[in-house]
PDB file of all heavy atoms in Angstrom:
ATOM      1  N   SER A   1     167.501 111.603 163.995  1.00  0.00           N
ATOM      2  CA  SER A   1     166.718 111.856 162.838  1.00  0.00           C
ATOM      3  C   SER A   1     167.704 112.234 161.658  1.00  0.00           C
ATOM      4  O   SER A   1     167.250 112.051 160.451  1.00  0.00           O
ATOM      5  CB  SER A   1     165.897 113.125 163.096  1.00  0.00           C
ATOM      6  OG  SER A   1     166.720 114.333 163.514  1.00  0.00           O
ATOM      7  N   THR A   2     168.872 112.665 161.871  1.00  0.00           N
ATOM      8  CA  THR A   2     169.830 112.902 160.928  1.00  0.00           C
ATOM      9  C   THR A   2     170.374 111.649 160.327  1.00  0.00           C
ATOM     10  O   THR A   2     170.521 111.443 159.104  1.00  0.00           O
ATOM     11  CB  THR A   2     171.053 113.725 161.443  1.00  0.00           C
ATOM     12  OG1 THR A   2     170.544 115.014 161.980  1.00  0.00           O
ATOM     13  CG2 THR A   2     171.994 114.070 160.217  1.00  0.00           C
ATOM     14  N   PHE A   3     170.521 110.619 161.153  1.00  0.00           N
ATOM     15  CA  PHE A   3     170.885 109.271 160.689  1.00  0.00           C
ATOM     16  C   PHE A   3     169.909 108.687 159.765  1.00  0.00           C
ATOM     17  O   PHE A   3     170.150 108.059 158.785  1.00  0.00           O
ATOM     18  CB  PHE A   3     171.217 108.394 161.933  1.00  0.00           C
ATOM     19  CG  PHE A   3     172.528 108.666 162.609  1.00  0.00           C
ATOM     20  CD1 PHE A   3     172.616 108.098 163.948  1.00  0.00           C
ATOM     21  CD2 PHE A   3     173.537 109.230 161.948  1.00  0.00           C
ATOM     22  CE1 PHE A   3     173.904 108.442 164.635  1.00  0.00           C
ATOM     23  CE2 PHE A   3     174.757 109.478 162.695  1.00  0.00           C
ATOM     24  CZ  PHE A   3     174.899 109.012 164.068  1.00  0.00           C
ATOM     25  N   ALA A   4     168.638 108.998 160.161  1.00  0.00           N
ATOM     26  CA  ALA A   4     167.537 108.415 159.449  1.00  0.00           C
ATOM     27  C   ALA A   4     167.460 108.864 157.979  1.00  0.00           C
ATOM     28  O   ALA A   4     166.924 108.156 157.090  1.00  0.00           O
ATOM     29  CB  ALA A   4     166.204 108.720 160.110  1.00  0.00           C
ATOM     30  N   LEU A   5     168.090 110.142 157.666  1.00  0.00           N
ATOM     31  CA  LEU A   5     168.069 110.692 156.382  1.00  0.00           C
ATOM     32  C   LEU A   5     169.336 110.305 155.557  1.00  0.00           C
ATOM     33  O   LEU A   5     169.446 110.760 154.512  1.00  0.00           O
ATOM     34  CB  LEU A   5     167.924 112.186 156.593  1.00  0.00           C
ATOM     35  CG  LEU A   5     166.477 112.565 156.995  1.00  0.00           C
ATOM     36  CD1 LEU A   5     166.528 114.171 157.164  1.00  0.00           C
ATOM     37  CD2 LEU A   5     165.450 112.236 156.100  1.00  0.00           C
ATOM     38  N   GLY A   6     170.234 109.492 156.224  1.00  0.00           N
ATOM     39  CA  GLY A   6     171.341 109.022 155.403  1.00  0.00           C
ATOM     40  C   GLY A   6     172.787 109.325 155.975  1.00  0.00           C
ATOM     41  O   GLY A   6     173.718 109.049 155.238  1.00  0.00           O
ATOM     42  N   ALA A   7     172.848 109.976 157.044  1.00  0.00           N
ATOM     43  CA  ALA A   7     174.247 110.401 157.529  1.00  0.00           C
ATOM     44  C   ALA A   7     174.776 109.146 158.179  1.00  0.00           C
ATOM     45  O   ALA A   7     174.182 108.366 158.800  1.00  0.00           O
ATOM     46  CB  ALA A   7     174.124 111.500 158.553  1.00  0.00           C
ATOM     47  N   ASP A   8     176.169 109.051 158.133  1.00  0.00           N
ATOM     48  CA  ASP A   8     176.905 108.057 158.800  1.00  0.00           C
ATOM     49  C   ASP A   8     177.445 108.603 160.119  1.00  0.00           C
ATOM     50  O   ASP A   8     177.649 107.768 161.037  1.00  0.00           O
ATOM     51  CB  ASP A   8     178.216 107.602 157.896  1.00  0.00           C
ATOM     52  CG  ASP A   8     177.772 106.894 156.697  1.00  0.00           C
ATOM     53  OD1 ASP A   8     177.017 105.812 156.836  1.00  0.00           O
ATOM     54  OD2 ASP A   8     178.014 107.443 155.634  1.00  0.00           O
ATOM     55  N   TRP A   9     177.631 109.932 160.276  1.00  0.00           N
ATOM     56  CA  TRP A   9     177.972 110.478 161.559  1.00  0.00           C
ATOM     57  C   TRP A   9     177.516 111.957 161.518  1.00  0.00           C
ATOM     58  O   TRP A   9     177.180 112.559 160.499  1.00  0.00           O
ATOM     59  CB  TRP A   9     179.556 110.382 161.806  1.00  0.00           C
ATOM     60  CG  TRP A   9     180.376 111.426 161.228  1.00  0.00           C
ATOM     61  CD1 TRP A   9     180.690 112.668 161.742  1.00  0.00           C
ATOM     62  CD2 TRP A   9     181.071 111.368 159.962  1.00  0.00           C
ATOM     63  NE1 TRP A   9     181.405 113.380 160.911  1.00  0.00           N
ATOM     64  CE2 TRP A   9     181.736 112.592 159.773  1.00  0.00           C
ATOM     65  CE3 TRP A   9     181.195 110.427 159.020  1.00  0.00           C
ATOM     66  CZ2 TRP A   9     182.542 112.857 158.708  1.00  0.00           C
ATOM     67  CZ3 TRP A   9     181.966 110.797 157.810  1.00  0.00           C
ATOM     68  CH2 TRP A   9     182.677 111.936 157.702  1.00  0.00           C
ATOM     69  N   VAL A  10     177.496 112.534 162.775  1.00  0.00           N
ATOM     70  CA  VAL A  10     177.174 113.951 162.741  1.00  0.00           C
ATOM     71  C   VAL A  10     178.342 114.812 163.501  1.00  0.00           C
ATOM     72  O   VAL A  10     179.015 114.251 164.249  1.00  0.00           O
ATOM     73  CB  VAL A  10     175.895 114.102 163.567  1.00  0.00           C
ATOM     74  CG1 VAL A  10     174.753 113.498 162.913  1.00  0.00           C
ATOM     75  CG2 VAL A  10     176.058 113.782 165.050  1.00  0.00           C
ATOM     76  N   ASN A  11     178.382 116.038 163.071  1.00  0.00           N
ATOM     77  CA  ASN A  11     179.314 116.976 163.739  1.00  0.00           C
ATOM     78  C   ASN A  11     178.532 117.915 164.540  1.00  0.00           C
ATOM     79  O   ASN A  11     177.339 118.379 164.042  1.00  0.00           O
ATOM     80  CB  ASN A  11     180.073 117.755 162.797  1.00  0.00           C
ATOM     81  CG  ASN A  11     181.020 116.920 161.947  1.00  0.00           C
ATOM     82  OD1 ASN A  11     181.418 115.739 162.411  1.00  0.00           O
ATOM     83  ND2 ASN A  11     181.446 117.393 160.780  1.00  0.00           N
ATOM     84  N   SER A  12     178.715 118.144 165.773  1.00  0.00           N
ATOM     85  CA  SER A  12     177.968 119.148 166.551  1.00  0.00           C
ATOM     86  C   SER A  12     178.920 120.164 167.245  1.00  0.00           C
ATOM     87  O   SER A  12     179.913 119.700 167.923  1.00  0.00           O
ATOM     88  CB  SER A  12     177.315 118.365 167.773  1.00  0.00           C
ATOM     89  OG  SER A  12     176.565 119.236 168.512  1.00  0.00           O
ATOM     90  N   ALA A  13     178.588 121.376 166.990  1.00  0.00           N
ATOM     91  CA  ALA A  13     179.412 122.490 167.566  1.00  0.00           C
ATOM     92  C   ALA A  13     178.561 123.327 168.574  1.00  0.00           C
ATOM     93  O   ALA A  13     179.023 123.660 169.658  1.00  0.00           O
ATOM     94  CB  ALA A  13     180.054 123.389 166.527  1.00  0.00           C
ATOM     95  N   ARG A  14     177.313 123.610 168.138  1.00  0.00           N
ATOM     96  CA  ARG A  14     176.446 124.553 168.847  1.00  0.00           C
ATOM     97  C   ARG A  14     176.215 123.966 170.318  1.00  0.00           C
ATOM     98  O   ARG A  14     176.238 124.744 171.263  1.00  0.00           O
ATOM     99  CB  ARG A  14     175.126 124.775 168.226  1.00  0.00           C
ATOM    100  CG  ARG A  14     174.312 125.836 168.701  1.00  0.00           C
ATOM    101  CD  ARG A  14     173.101 126.041 167.857  1.00  0.00           C
ATOM    102  NE  ARG A  14     173.555 126.342 166.394  1.00  0.00           N
ATOM    103  CZ  ARG A  14     173.292 127.492 165.830  1.00  0.00           C
ATOM    104  NH1 ARG A  14     172.716 128.494 166.365  1.00  0.00           N
ATOM    105  NH2 ARG A  14     173.628 127.627 164.474  1.00  0.00           N
ATOM    106  N   GLY A  15     175.918 122.695 170.521  1.00  0.00           N
ATOM    107  CA  GLY A  15     175.523 122.155 171.780  1.00  0.00           C
ATOM    108  C   GLY A  15     176.746 122.245 172.730  1.00  0.00           C
ATOM    109  O   GLY A  15     176.610 122.636 173.865  1.00  0.00           O
ATOM    110  N   PHE A  16     177.938 122.008 172.119  1.00  0.00           N
ATOM    111  CA  PHE A  16     179.111 122.152 173.005  1.00  0.00           C
ATOM    112  C   PHE A  16     179.471 123.565 173.298  1.00  0.00           C
ATOM    113  O   PHE A  16     179.994 123.822 174.493  1.00  0.00           O
ATOM    114  CB  PHE A  16     180.403 121.477 172.348  1.00  0.00           C
ATOM    115  CG  PHE A  16     180.278 119.932 172.392  1.00  0.00           C
ATOM    116  CD1 PHE A  16     179.748 119.358 171.160  1.00  0.00           C
ATOM    117  CD2 PHE A  16     180.603 119.205 173.356  1.00  0.00           C
ATOM    118  CE1 PHE A  16     179.634 117.953 171.132  1.00  0.00           C
ATOM    119  CE2 PHE A  16     180.506 117.768 173.391  1.00  0.00           C
ATOM    120  CZ  PHE A  16     180.002 117.212 172.261  1.00  0.00           C
ATOM    121  N   MET A  17     179.128 124.498 172.452  1.00  0.00           N
ATOM    122  CA  MET A  17     179.316 125.920 172.729  1.00  0.00           C
ATOM    123  C   MET A  17     178.367 126.335 173.909  1.00  0.00           C
ATOM    124  O   MET A  17     178.797 127.085 174.777  1.00  0.00           O
ATOM    125  CB  MET A  17     178.900 126.650 171.479  1.00  0.00           C
ATOM    126  CG  MET A  17     180.004 126.578 170.346  1.00  0.00           C
ATOM    127  SD  MET A  17     181.494 127.434 170.710  1.00  0.00           S
ATOM    128  CE  MET A  17     181.113 129.143 170.484  1.00  0.00           C
ATOM    129  N   PHE A  18     177.104 125.843 173.771  1.00  0.00           N
ATOM    130  CA  PHE A  18     176.184 126.088 174.895  1.00  0.00           C
ATOM    131  C   PHE A  18     176.782 125.535 176.324  1.00  0.00           C
ATOM    132  O   PHE A  18     176.606 126.233 177.318  1.00  0.00           O
ATOM    133  CB  PHE A  18     174.805 125.450 174.628  1.00  0.00           C
ATOM    134  CG  PHE A  18     174.030 126.075 173.615  1.00  0.00           C
ATOM    135  CD1 PHE A  18     172.960 125.371 172.914  1.00  0.00           C
ATOM    136  CD2 PHE A  18     174.435 127.383 173.061  1.00  0.00           C
ATOM    137  CE1 PHE A  18     172.238 125.977 171.880  1.00  0.00           C
ATOM    138  CE2 PHE A  18     173.631 127.980 172.062  1.00  0.00           C
ATOM    139  CZ  PHE A  18     172.612 127.205 171.470  1.00  0.00           C
ATOM    140  N   ALA A  19     177.385 124.367 176.235  1.00  0.00           N
ATOM    141  CA  ALA A  19     177.886 123.759 177.378  1.00  0.00           C
ATOM    142  C   ALA A  19     179.077 124.639 177.984  1.00  0.00           C
ATOM    143  O   ALA A  19     179.225 124.621 179.209  1.00  0.00           O
ATOM    144  CB  ALA A  19     178.352 122.302 177.083  1.00  0.00           C
ATOM    145  N   VAL A  20     179.803 125.331 177.085  1.00  0.00           N
ATOM    146  CA  VAL A  20     180.859 126.123 177.479  1.00  0.00           C
ATOM    147  C   VAL A  20     180.322 127.350 178.021  1.00  0.00           C
ATOM    148  O   VAL A  20     181.038 128.012 178.967  1.00  0.00           O
ATOM    149  CB  VAL A  20     181.870 126.381 176.354  1.00  0.00           C
ATOM    150  CG1 VAL A  20     182.840 127.413 176.678  1.00  0.00           C
ATOM    151  CG2 VAL A  20     182.552 125.134 175.925  1.00  0.00           C
ATOM    152  N   GLY A  21     179.196 127.796 177.637  1.00  0.00           N
ATOM    153  CA  GLY A  21     178.622 129.048 178.208  1.00  0.00           C
ATOM    154  C   GLY A  21     178.202 130.071 177.214  1.00  0.00           C
ATOM    155  O   GLY A  21     177.788 131.124 177.397  1.00  0.00           O
ATOM    156  N   CYS A  22     178.274 129.674 175.837  1.00  0.00           N
ATOM    157  CA  CYS A  22     177.782 130.590 174.773  1.00  0.00           C
ATOM    158  C   CYS A  22     176.319 130.947 174.914  1.00  0.00           C
ATOM    159  O   CYS A  22     175.404 130.147 175.205  1.00  0.00           O
ATOM    160  CB  CYS A  22     177.930 129.937 173.381  1.00  0.00           C
ATOM    161  SG  CYS A  22     177.221 130.843 172.064  1.00  0.00           S
ATOM    162  N   ILE A  23     175.992 132.263 174.880  1.00  0.00           N
ATOM    163  CA  ILE A  23     174.547 132.692 174.964  1.00  0.00           C
ATOM    164  C   ILE A  23     174.119 133.239 173.585  1.00  0.00           C
ATOM    165  O   ILE A  23     173.091 133.947 173.505  1.00  0.00           O
ATOM    166  CB  ILE A  23     174.449 133.754 176.023  1.00  0.00           C
ATOM    167  CG1 ILE A  23     175.324 134.902 175.709  1.00  0.00           C
ATOM    168  CG2 ILE A  23     174.716 133.142 177.368  1.00  0.00           C
ATOM    169  CD1 ILE A  23     174.914 136.125 176.650  1.00  0.00           C
ATOM    170  N   GLN A  24     174.744 133.012 172.541  1.00  0.00           N
ATOM    171  CA  GLN A  24     174.484 133.402 171.263  1.00  0.00           C
ATOM    172  C   GLN A  24     174.341 135.014 171.172  1.00  0.00           C
ATOM    173  O   GLN A  24     173.253 135.477 170.628  1.00  0.00           O
ATOM    174  CB  GLN A  24     173.283 132.820 170.729  1.00  0.00           C
ATOM    175  CG  GLN A  24     173.454 131.241 170.461  1.00  0.00           C
ATOM    176  CD  GLN A  24     172.372 130.620 169.617  1.00  0.00           C
ATOM    177  OE1 GLN A  24     172.516 130.195 168.582  1.00  0.00           O
ATOM    178  NE2 GLN A  24     171.191 130.454 170.290  1.00  0.00           N
ATOM    179  N   ALA A  25     175.109 135.622 171.697  1.00  0.00           N
ATOM    180  CA  ALA A  25     175.158 137.163 171.736  1.00  0.00           C
ATOM    181  C   ALA A  25     175.527 137.714 170.393  1.00  0.00           C
ATOM    182  O   ALA A  25     175.218 138.845 170.056  1.00  0.00           O
ATOM    183  CB  ALA A  25     176.218 137.776 172.783  1.00  0.00           C
TER     184      ALA A  25
END
């Protein structure tokens, strides 16, 4: 959906933080 609005690439931090174990404390 981000590509659909004009982006050429995306940066993702939150998903990888979740994968590491972040619980958003």
